[in-house]
């Protein structure tokens, strides 16, 4: 059995930047165990597997795996998979028409808009499958220990470290400076003791840092999922933009931010985030960015 795949770098306009993704473009016949083994073999932050949709009106069913676990939803895998399928113009023998794709995922339906430049697909943007939810707070001392920081490097003015989700949960943590963000180092033992996989995917650190076109710089650690650090985390940043809109004092707004991630690990990524808020409630969140193809081939099973 030969299984086709393509890799793309997501949230970047150049090869070897952004967050690499492997897309298995025809996963029919694969078991969940085989998908997990293939994801572990690629050893990227995530690998996606394209399957026929349950409803013909949708583009595909997409399953997403880190090297250690399946994810109900993730950002860069959706953006990259939409880019691959739209660029090919077909999905499992069916024509991909227009600039709107819809993926069926464990967290719900994920609609994606395709962006073209002179007819060529260059980017995509997703709408989060679930509304923003906030759950429990995490002690500053635990976050500081987990990221090798001092408690005073964590900012609590707008919010304390809190788990936010638009499909999967991350501990959202604002830092006091760009230097603190750069200094963070993950400690897996602390995650094991205080942040098990069922509580949160990982810790998402961010700081308001106006650098060129960027408004925010961020980093995300998810060691228990096999991702010590992620170059770009769409699912975390789509929740972050929702969180920022939630705590904004305005009742009605459209909040746009350009977020940089991966700069401190040599994989600079640029994410375009948007949240819409009406009558004091965050009603929609979006994340998108550019992609570039890198490799294609087959897996022999």
Protein backbone atom coordinates (compact mmCIF):
# COMPACT_ATOMS: atom_id res chain seq x y z
CA UNK A 1 0.00 0.00 0.00
CA UNK A 2 1.33 3.41 -0.97
CA UNK A 3 -0.05 6.52 0.73
CA UNK A 4 0.53 9.96 -0.86
CA UNK A 5 1.64 12.95 1.18
CA UNK A 6 2.62 16.58 0.72
CA UNK A 7 4.43 18.86 3.15
CA UNK A 8 3.95 22.60 3.39
CA UNK A 9 5.35 25.35 5.55
CA UNK A 10 2.44 27.23 7.12
CA UNK A 11 2.20 30.86 8.24
CA UNK A 12 5.12 31.90 6.07
CA UNK A 13 5.83 33.12 2.54
CA UNK A 14 9.15 31.27 2.21
CA UNK A 15 10.38 27.71 2.47
CA UNK A 16 11.93 26.58 5.75
CA UNK A 17 10.07 29.20 7.74
CA UNK A 18 6.76 28.90 9.53
CA UNK A 19 5.40 25.63 10.85
CA UNK A 20 5.92 22.51 8.71
CA UNK A 21 2.92 20.26 8.14
CA UNK A 22 2.53 16.85 6.51
CA UNK A 23 -0.76 16.27 4.71
CA UNK A 24 -1.72 12.68 3.84
CA UNK A 25 -3.99 13.54 0.93
CA UNK A 26 -5.70 10.13 0.74
CA UNK A 27 -6.01 8.38 4.09
CA UNK A 28 -8.67 5.89 3.01
CA UNK A 29 -7.89 2.45 4.40
CA UNK A 30 -5.69 3.70 7.24
CA UNK A 31 -6.53 2.83 10.83
CA UNK A 32 -6.20 5.32 13.65
CA UNK A 33 -3.17 3.40 14.90
CA UNK A 34 -1.50 3.71 11.50
CA UNK A 35 -2.24 7.43 11.39
CA UNK A 36 -0.65 7.87 14.80
CA UNK A 37 2.41 5.88 13.71
CA UNK A 38 2.78 7.98 10.54
CA UNK A 39 2.52 11.20 12.56
CA UNK A 40 5.21 9.92 14.91
CA UNK A 41 7.38 9.07 11.89
CA UNK A 42 7.08 12.57 10.44
CA UNK A 43 7.67 13.94 13.96
CA UNK A 44 6.25 17.34 13.04
CA UNK A 45 3.96 19.30 15.33
CA UNK A 46 1.01 17.83 13.43
CA UNK A 47 0.14 15.61 10.48
CA UNK A 48 -3.30 15.62 8.84
CA UNK A 49 -5.19 12.78 7.19
CA UNK A 50 -7.79 13.53 4.52
CA UNK A 51 -10.86 11.28 4.38
CA UNK A 52 -14.21 11.43 2.57
CA UNK A 53 -16.72 13.70 4.31
CA UNK A 54 -19.77 12.26 6.02
CA UNK A 55 -21.89 14.90 4.26
CA UNK A 56 -21.26 15.46 0.53
CA UNK A 57 -21.72 19.23 0.93
CA UNK A 58 -18.47 19.35 2.92
CA UNK A 59 -14.98 19.14 1.44
CA UNK A 60 -13.46 16.40 3.59
CA UNK A 61 -13.17 14.82 6.99
CA UNK A 62 -9.78 15.72 8.45
CA UNK A 63 -8.06 13.96 11.33
CA UNK A 64 -5.13 15.65 13.03
CA UNK A 65 -2.33 13.95 14.98
CA UNK A 66 0.67 15.22 16.93
CA UNK A 67 3.52 12.73 17.37
CA UNK A 68 1.75 11.45 20.50
CA UNK A 69 -1.98 12.12 20.29
CA UNK A 70 -4.96 12.96 18.11
CA UNK A 71 -6.27 16.54 18.24
CA UNK A 72 -9.93 17.52 17.87
CA UNK A 73 -8.90 20.77 16.16
CA UNK A 74 -5.71 22.66 15.36
CA UNK A 75 -4.88 25.80 13.43
CA UNK A 76 -1.87 25.36 11.17
CA UNK A 77 -3.01 21.86 10.07
CA UNK A 78 -6.29 23.31 8.80
CA UNK A 79 -4.68 26.28 7.08
CA UNK A 80 -2.07 24.04 5.44
CA UNK A 81 -4.47 21.28 4.44
CA UNK A 82 -6.84 23.78 2.82
CA UNK A 83 -3.89 25.25 0.92
CA UNK A 84 -2.84 21.81 -0.35
CA UNK A 85 -6.31 20.75 -1.48
CA UNK A 86 -7.19 24.09 -3.06
CA UNK A 87 -3.83 24.17 -4.89
CA UNK A 88 -4.46 20.66 -6.25
CA UNK A 89 -8.01 21.61 -7.22
CA UNK A 90 -9.33 18.24 -6.09
CA UNK A 91 -9.91 16.14 -3.01
CA UNK A 92 -10.19 12.35 -3.22
CA UNK A 93 -11.28 12.55 -6.83
CA UNK A 94 -13.81 15.35 -6.30
CA UNK A 95 -13.23 18.83 -7.70
CA UNK A 96 -12.51 21.56 -5.16
CA UNK A 97 -14.41 24.52 -6.54
CA UNK A 98 -14.58 28.07 -5.27
CA UNK A 99 -12.76 29.66 -2.39
CA UNK A 100 -14.63 28.13 0.58
CA UNK A 101 -13.76 24.72 2.02
CA UNK A 102 -15.42 23.02 4.99
CA UNK A 103 -13.68 20.31 7.01
CA UNK A 104 -15.40 17.88 9.37
CA UNK A 105 -13.36 17.48 12.56
CA UNK A 106 -13.86 16.12 16.04
CA UNK A 107 -14.36 19.66 17.40
CA UNK A 108 -16.97 20.47 14.76
CA UNK A 109 -17.09 22.01 11.30
CA UNK A 110 -14.15 24.20 10.27
CA UNK A 111 -14.87 26.59 7.38
CA UNK A 112 -11.87 27.98 5.51
CA UNK A 113 -11.56 30.78 2.98
CA UNK A 114 -8.91 30.53 0.27
CA UNK A 115 -6.77 33.53 -0.72
CA UNK A 116 -5.38 33.75 -4.26
CA UNK A 117 -2.82 35.98 -5.92
CA UNK A 118 -3.10 36.16 -9.73
CA UNK A 119 -5.06 32.92 -9.62
CA UNK A 120 -2.56 31.00 -7.50
CA UNK A 121 -3.49 29.83 -3.99
CA UNK A 122 -1.23 31.60 -1.48
CA UNK A 123 -3.05 31.49 1.87
CA UNK A 124 -6.14 30.42 3.77
CA UNK A 125 -8.07 31.54 6.83
CA UNK A 126 -10.19 29.47 9.19
CA UNK A 127 -13.12 30.31 11.42
CA UNK A 128 -12.83 28.55 14.78
CA UNK A 129 -15.26 25.61 15.15
CA UNK A 130 -16.36 26.60 18.67
CA UNK A 131 -17.02 29.90 20.46
CA UNK A 132 -14.47 31.19 22.94
CA UNK A 133 -14.72 29.59 26.37
CA UNK A 134 -12.72 30.32 29.51
CA UNK A 135 -12.24 27.70 32.21
CA UNK A 136 -10.03 27.48 35.25
CA UNK A 137 -7.14 29.73 36.13
CA UNK A 138 -3.64 28.33 36.65
CA UNK A 139 -1.43 29.57 39.45
CA UNK A 140 1.26 32.03 38.42
CA UNK A 141 3.83 29.97 40.30
CA UNK A 142 3.01 26.84 38.25
CA UNK A 143 3.27 28.70 34.95
CA UNK A 144 6.53 30.32 35.99
CA UNK A 145 8.03 26.97 37.00
CA UNK A 146 6.78 25.22 33.85
CA UNK A 147 8.40 27.87 31.63
CA UNK A 148 11.54 28.53 33.71
CA UNK A 149 10.46 32.11 34.46
CA UNK A 150 10.15 34.26 37.56
CA UNK A 151 6.61 34.99 38.79
CA UNK A 152 7.21 38.73 38.41
CA UNK A 153 7.76 38.22 34.65
CA UNK A 154 4.08 37.27 34.33
CA UNK A 155 1.51 40.06 33.92
CA UNK A 156 -1.83 39.85 35.73
CA UNK A 157 -3.33 43.27 34.91
CA UNK A 158 -5.78 42.12 32.24
CA UNK A 159 -6.14 38.48 33.24
CA UNK A 160 -4.43 35.87 35.34
CA UNK A 161 -3.16 32.75 33.54
CA UNK A 162 -6.37 31.14 32.31
CA UNK A 163 -7.32 28.24 30.07
CA UNK A 164 -9.03 29.52 26.92
CA UNK A 165 -10.39 27.47 24.05
CA UNK A 166 -11.97 27.82 20.62
CA UNK A 167 -11.86 24.06 20.15
CA UNK A 168 -8.87 23.02 22.27
CA UNK A 169 -7.65 24.59 25.51
CA UNK A 170 -4.41 26.44 26.19
CA UNK A 171 -3.15 28.26 29.27
CA UNK A 172 -2.95 31.90 28.17
CA UNK A 173 -0.18 33.87 29.82
CA UNK A 174 0.81 37.49 29.22
CA UNK A 175 4.45 38.33 29.93
CA UNK A 176 6.01 41.59 31.00
CA UNK A 177 8.61 41.89 28.25
CA UNK A 178 9.95 40.54 25.00
CA UNK A 179 13.10 39.50 26.89
CA UNK A 180 11.01 37.34 29.25
CA UNK A 181 9.39 35.65 26.26
CA UNK A 182 12.78 34.89 24.73
CA UNK A 183 14.10 33.51 28.03
CA UNK A 184 11.31 30.94 28.55
CA UNK A 185 12.33 27.27 28.57
CA UNK A 186 9.93 24.37 28.90
CA UNK A 187 10.04 21.96 31.85
CA UNK A 188 8.23 18.75 31.00
CA UNK A 189 8.25 17.51 34.59
CA UNK A 190 6.12 20.45 35.70
CA UNK A 191 3.61 19.81 32.92
CA UNK A 192 3.41 16.18 34.03
CA UNK A 193 2.67 17.17 37.61
CA UNK A 194 0.34 20.15 37.10
CA UNK A 195 -0.86 20.35 33.49
CA UNK A 196 -1.84 16.87 32.29
CA UNK A 197 -3.02 16.41 28.71
CA UNK A 198 -6.69 16.34 29.66
CA UNK A 199 -6.43 19.74 31.36
CA UNK A 200 -4.78 21.75 28.56
CA UNK A 201 -2.80 21.17 25.39
CA UNK A 202 -0.04 23.52 26.47
CA UNK A 203 1.02 26.95 27.68
CA UNK A 204 0.75 29.88 25.26
CA UNK A 205 2.95 32.82 26.25
CA UNK A 206 2.49 36.21 24.63
CA UNK A 207 3.61 39.80 24.88
CA UNK A 208 2.46 42.96 23.17
CA UNK A 209 5.56 43.75 21.12
CA UNK A 210 5.41 46.14 18.21
CA UNK A 211 8.13 44.82 15.91
CA UNK A 212 7.76 45.88 12.29
CA UNK A 213 4.31 44.70 11.18
CA UNK A 214 3.84 42.54 14.28
CA UNK A 215 1.58 43.50 17.17
CA UNK A 216 2.21 40.47 19.38
CA UNK A 217 4.96 37.89 19.81
CA UNK A 218 4.11 34.47 21.23
CA UNK A 219 5.49 31.03 22.07
CA UNK A 220 3.67 27.75 22.80
CA UNK A 221 4.90 24.72 24.72
CA UNK A 222 3.08 21.35 24.63
CA UNK A 223 5.66 18.72 25.64
CA UNK A 224 3.15 16.05 26.69
CA UNK A 225 1.75 16.07 23.16
CA UNK A 226 5.24 15.54 21.73
CA UNK A 227 5.66 19.23 20.86
CA UNK A 228 8.29 20.78 23.15
CA UNK A 229 7.77 24.07 21.28
CA UNK A 230 5.53 24.86 18.33
CA UNK A 231 6.65 27.30 15.60
CA UNK A 232 3.06 28.48 15.02
CA UNK A 233 -0.12 27.52 16.83
CA UNK A 234 -3.27 28.66 15.08
CA UNK A 235 -5.61 27.07 17.63
CA UNK A 236 -3.87 28.93 20.48
CA UNK A 237 -3.70 32.26 18.69
CA UNK A 238 -7.32 32.10 17.55
CA UNK A 239 -8.24 31.67 21.22
CA UNK A 240 -5.83 34.48 22.16
CA UNK A 241 -7.48 37.00 19.83
CA UNK A 242 -10.83 35.98 21.29
CA UNK A 243 -9.47 36.43 24.80
CA UNK A 244 -8.15 39.91 24.00
CA UNK A 245 -11.50 40.89 22.54
CA UNK A 246 -13.29 39.43 25.58
CA UNK A 247 -11.30 41.59 27.99
CA UNK A 248 -11.54 44.73 25.82
CA UNK A 249 -13.88 47.22 27.47
CA UNK A 250 -15.72 47.94 24.20
CA UNK A 251 -18.98 46.07 23.73
CA UNK A 252 -18.76 46.03 19.93
CA UNK A 253 -15.56 45.71 17.94
CA UNK A 254 -13.57 43.95 15.26
CA UNK A 255 -10.10 43.25 16.61
CA UNK A 256 -7.25 42.53 14.19
CA UNK A 257 -3.76 41.60 15.28
CA UNK A 258 -0.65 40.34 13.47
CA UNK A 259 1.02 37.73 15.65
CA UNK A 260 4.58 36.47 15.37
CA UNK A 261 5.55 33.05 16.67
CA UNK A 262 8.58 30.81 16.23
CA UNK A 263 11.04 33.70 15.98
CA UNK A 264 12.97 32.48 19.02
CA UNK A 265 13.39 28.98 17.54
CA UNK A 266 14.46 29.97 14.03
CA UNK A 267 11.07 29.28 12.38
CA UNK A 268 9.53 32.75 12.05
CA UNK A 269 5.78 32.54 11.54
CA UNK A 270 3.23 35.30 10.92
CA UNK A 271 -0.43 34.77 11.78
CA UNK A 272 -3.31 37.10 10.96
CA UNK A 273 -5.88 36.98 13.77
CA UNK A 274 -9.33 38.53 14.00
CA UNK A 275 -12.13 38.53 16.57
CA UNK A 276 -15.63 39.95 16.27
CA UNK A 277 -17.53 41.08 19.34
CA UNK A 278 -21.14 42.15 19.52
CA UNK A 279 -23.13 43.33 22.56
CA UNK A 280 -20.29 42.35 24.86
CA UNK A 281 -19.91 38.80 23.53
CA UNK A 282 -17.19 37.40 21.26
CA UNK A 283 -19.14 36.00 18.33
CA UNK A 284 -16.42 34.81 15.92
CA UNK A 285 -12.67 34.26 15.78
CA UNK A 286 -10.41 33.71 12.77
CA UNK A 287 -6.78 32.82 12.06
CA UNK A 288 -4.98 32.66 8.74
CA UNK A 289 -1.74 33.06 6.87
CA UNK A 290 0.33 32.21 3.85
CA UNK A 291 1.75 28.78 2.94
CA UNK A 292 4.44 27.40 0.65
CA UNK A 293 4.78 23.79 -0.63
CA UNK A 294 8.00 21.93 0.21
CA UNK A 295 7.91 18.18 -0.48
CA UNK A 296 5.70 15.41 -1.81
CA UNK A 297 6.02 11.64 -1.93
CA UNK A 298 4.54 8.33 -0.83
CA UNK A 299 4.56 6.31 2.35
CA UNK A 300 4.98 2.57 1.87
CA UNK A 301 2.91 0.44 4.22
